[in-house]
Amino acid sequence: MSTTSEPAPPAPRPALVFDDPLDQQTSDDTDRGWGERPEGDSAADLKRFLDEKPPHHI
């Protein structure tokens, strides 16, 4: 009985797509999400503001 095993075949490589990326609609091309504020906690909004504020805006 042989103890040598063959290596697993390599994973298939993704196909190259040469489509024009400007032909596809992006999320920025729609009205969804513009100006809408999710229902949330004002304390969480303040925490996010303070966490994301650049240091020169103290």
N, C-alpha and C. Protein backbone atom coordinates (compact mmCIF):
# COMPACT_ATOMS: atom_id res chain seq x y z
N MET A 1 0.85 -1.18 0.00
CA MET A 1 0.00 0.00 0.00
C MET A 1 0.89 1.23 0.00
N SER A 2 0.58 2.20 -0.84
CA SER A 2 1.38 3.41 -0.98
C SER A 2 0.91 4.48 0.00
N THR A 3 1.87 5.16 0.65
CA THR A 3 1.51 6.20 1.62
C THR A 3 1.65 7.60 1.02
N THR A 4 2.03 7.70 -0.24
CA THR A 4 2.14 9.02 -0.86
C THR A 4 0.75 9.50 -1.26
N SER A 5 0.51 10.75 -0.99
CA SER A 5 -0.78 11.32 -1.39
C SER A 5 -0.53 12.44 -2.39
N GLU A 6 -1.44 12.58 -3.29
CA GLU A 6 -1.31 13.62 -4.29
C GLU A 6 -1.77 14.95 -3.69
N PRO A 7 -1.11 16.04 -4.06
CA PRO A 7 -1.53 17.34 -3.52
C PRO A 7 -2.91 17.72 -4.06
N ALA A 8 -3.62 18.48 -3.25
CA ALA A 8 -4.96 18.92 -3.67
C ALA A 8 -4.82 19.88 -4.85
N PRO A 9 -5.77 19.84 -5.76
CA PRO A 9 -5.69 20.76 -6.90
C PRO A 9 -5.85 22.20 -6.41
N PRO A 10 -5.20 23.15 -7.07
CA PRO A 10 -5.30 24.55 -6.64
C PRO A 10 -6.73 25.07 -6.82
N ALA A 11 -7.08 26.04 -5.98
CA ALA A 11 -8.41 26.63 -6.07
C ALA A 11 -8.55 27.37 -7.41
N PRO A 12 -9.73 27.34 -8.00
CA PRO A 12 -9.90 28.04 -9.28
C PRO A 12 -9.75 29.54 -9.09
N ARG A 13 -9.11 30.18 -10.04
CA ARG A 13 -8.90 31.62 -9.99
C ARG A 13 -10.17 32.32 -10.47
N PRO A 14 -10.49 33.49 -9.88
CA PRO A 14 -11.68 34.21 -10.35
C PRO A 14 -11.50 34.67 -11.79
N ALA A 15 -12.60 34.70 -12.50
CA ALA A 15 -12.56 35.11 -13.90
C ALA A 15 -12.35 36.61 -14.00
N LEU A 16 -11.61 37.02 -15.00
CA LEU A 16 -11.41 38.45 -15.25
C LEU A 16 -12.65 39.00 -15.96
N VAL A 17 -13.14 40.14 -15.49
CA VAL A 17 -14.32 40.77 -16.09
C VAL A 17 -13.88 42.10 -16.67
N PHE A 18 -14.12 42.28 -17.94
CA PHE A 18 -13.71 43.50 -18.63
C PHE A 18 -14.89 44.40 -18.95
N ASP A 19 -15.96 44.31 -18.14
CA ASP A 19 -17.11 45.19 -18.33
C ASP A 19 -16.75 46.61 -17.94
N ASP A 20 -17.50 47.57 -18.46
CA ASP A 20 -17.29 48.97 -18.10
C ASP A 20 -17.93 49.21 -16.74
N PRO A 21 -17.14 49.56 -15.71
CA PRO A 21 -17.71 49.75 -14.38
C PRO A 21 -18.67 50.93 -14.31
N LEU A 22 -18.58 51.87 -15.25
CA LEU A 22 -19.47 53.02 -15.23
C LEU A 22 -20.85 52.69 -15.75
N ASP A 23 -21.02 51.51 -16.36
CA ASP A 23 -22.33 51.08 -16.82
C ASP A 23 -23.18 50.52 -15.68
N GLN A 24 -22.57 50.23 -14.54
CA GLN A 24 -23.29 49.64 -13.42
C GLN A 24 -23.74 50.73 -12.46
N GLN A 25 -24.96 50.57 -11.92
CA GLN A 25 -25.48 51.55 -10.98
C GLN A 25 -24.90 51.29 -9.59
N THR A 26 -24.50 52.35 -8.91
CA THR A 26 -23.97 52.24 -7.57
C THR A 26 -24.99 52.78 -6.58
N SER A 27 -24.72 52.61 -5.29
CA SER A 27 -25.65 53.09 -4.28
C SER A 27 -25.71 54.62 -4.27
N ASP A 28 -24.67 55.28 -4.75
CA ASP A 28 -24.68 56.74 -4.82
C ASP A 28 -25.60 57.26 -5.93
N ASP A 29 -25.94 56.39 -6.87
CA ASP A 29 -26.80 56.81 -7.98
C ASP A 29 -28.28 56.78 -7.62
N THR A 30 -28.62 56.35 -6.43
CA THR A 30 -30.02 56.26 -6.02
C THR A 30 -30.31 57.28 -4.93
N ASP A 31 -31.57 57.51 -4.65
CA ASP A 31 -31.96 58.44 -3.60
C ASP A 31 -31.98 57.76 -2.23
N ARG A 32 -31.84 56.46 -2.19
CA ARG A 32 -31.91 55.73 -0.94
C ARG A 32 -30.74 56.09 -0.03
N GLY A 33 -31.04 56.49 1.19
CA GLY A 33 -30.00 56.76 2.16
C GLY A 33 -29.54 58.20 2.23
N TRP A 34 -30.03 59.07 1.36
CA TRP A 34 -29.59 60.47 1.37
C TRP A 34 -30.45 61.26 2.35
N GLY A 35 -29.85 61.72 3.43
CA GLY A 35 -30.54 62.57 4.39
C GLY A 35 -31.41 61.84 5.38
N GLU A 36 -31.51 60.55 5.26
CA GLU A 36 -32.33 59.79 6.20
C GLU A 36 -31.52 59.51 7.45
N ARG A 37 -32.13 59.71 8.60
CA ARG A 37 -31.45 59.41 9.86
C ARG A 37 -32.12 58.22 10.50
N PRO A 38 -31.37 57.20 10.81
CA PRO A 38 -31.96 56.04 11.47
C PRO A 38 -32.39 56.43 12.89
N GLU A 39 -33.43 55.79 13.34
CA GLU A 39 -33.87 56.01 14.71
C GLU A 39 -32.76 55.54 15.62
N GLY A 40 -32.37 56.39 16.54
CA GLY A 40 -31.27 55.99 17.39
C GLY A 40 -31.25 56.75 18.69
N ASP A 41 -30.29 56.47 19.43
CA ASP A 41 -30.09 57.01 20.76
C ASP A 41 -29.19 58.24 20.63
N SER A 42 -29.60 59.37 21.22
CA SER A 42 -28.79 60.59 21.10
C SER A 42 -27.45 60.43 21.82
N ALA A 43 -27.39 59.61 22.86
CA ALA A 43 -26.12 59.38 23.55
C ALA A 43 -25.17 58.61 22.62
N ALA A 44 -25.70 57.69 21.85
CA ALA A 44 -24.86 56.95 20.90
C ALA A 44 -24.37 57.88 19.79
N ASP A 45 -25.23 58.82 19.37
CA ASP A 45 -24.80 59.80 18.36
C ASP A 45 -23.66 60.67 18.88
N LEU A 46 -23.77 61.12 20.13
CA LEU A 46 -22.72 61.94 20.73
C LEU A 46 -21.42 61.15 20.86
N LYS A 47 -21.53 59.89 21.27
CA LYS A 47 -20.32 59.06 21.41
C LYS A 47 -19.66 58.88 20.04
N ARG A 48 -20.44 58.63 19.01
CA ARG A 48 -19.88 58.46 17.68
C ARG A 48 -19.22 59.76 17.21
N PHE A 49 -19.88 60.90 17.47
CA PHE A 49 -19.32 62.19 17.09
C PHE A 49 -17.98 62.41 17.78
N LEU A 50 -17.91 62.13 19.06
CA LEU A 50 -16.67 62.35 19.80
C LEU A 50 -15.58 61.38 19.38
N ASP A 51 -15.96 60.14 19.05
CA ASP A 51 -14.97 59.14 18.62
C ASP A 51 -14.40 59.47 17.25
N GLU A 52 -15.21 60.05 16.36
CA GLU A 52 -14.78 60.28 14.98
C GLU A 52 -14.26 61.70 14.75
N LYS A 53 -14.31 62.54 15.75
CA LYS A 53 -13.89 63.93 15.60
C LYS A 53 -12.37 63.99 15.47
N PRO A 54 -11.86 64.71 14.48
CA PRO A 54 -10.41 64.85 14.34
C PRO A 54 -9.82 65.58 15.56
N PRO A 55 -8.58 65.32 15.91
CA PRO A 55 -7.98 65.91 17.10
C PRO A 55 -7.91 67.43 17.06
N HIS A 56 -7.84 68.03 15.88
CA HIS A 56 -7.75 69.49 15.81
C HIS A 56 -9.12 70.16 15.97
N HIS A 57 -10.19 69.39 16.20
CA HIS A 57 -11.52 69.95 16.41
C HIS A 57 -11.95 69.86 17.86
N ILE A 58 -11.03 69.93 18.77
CA ILE A 58 -11.35 69.82 20.20
C ILE A 58 -11.90 71.10 20.73
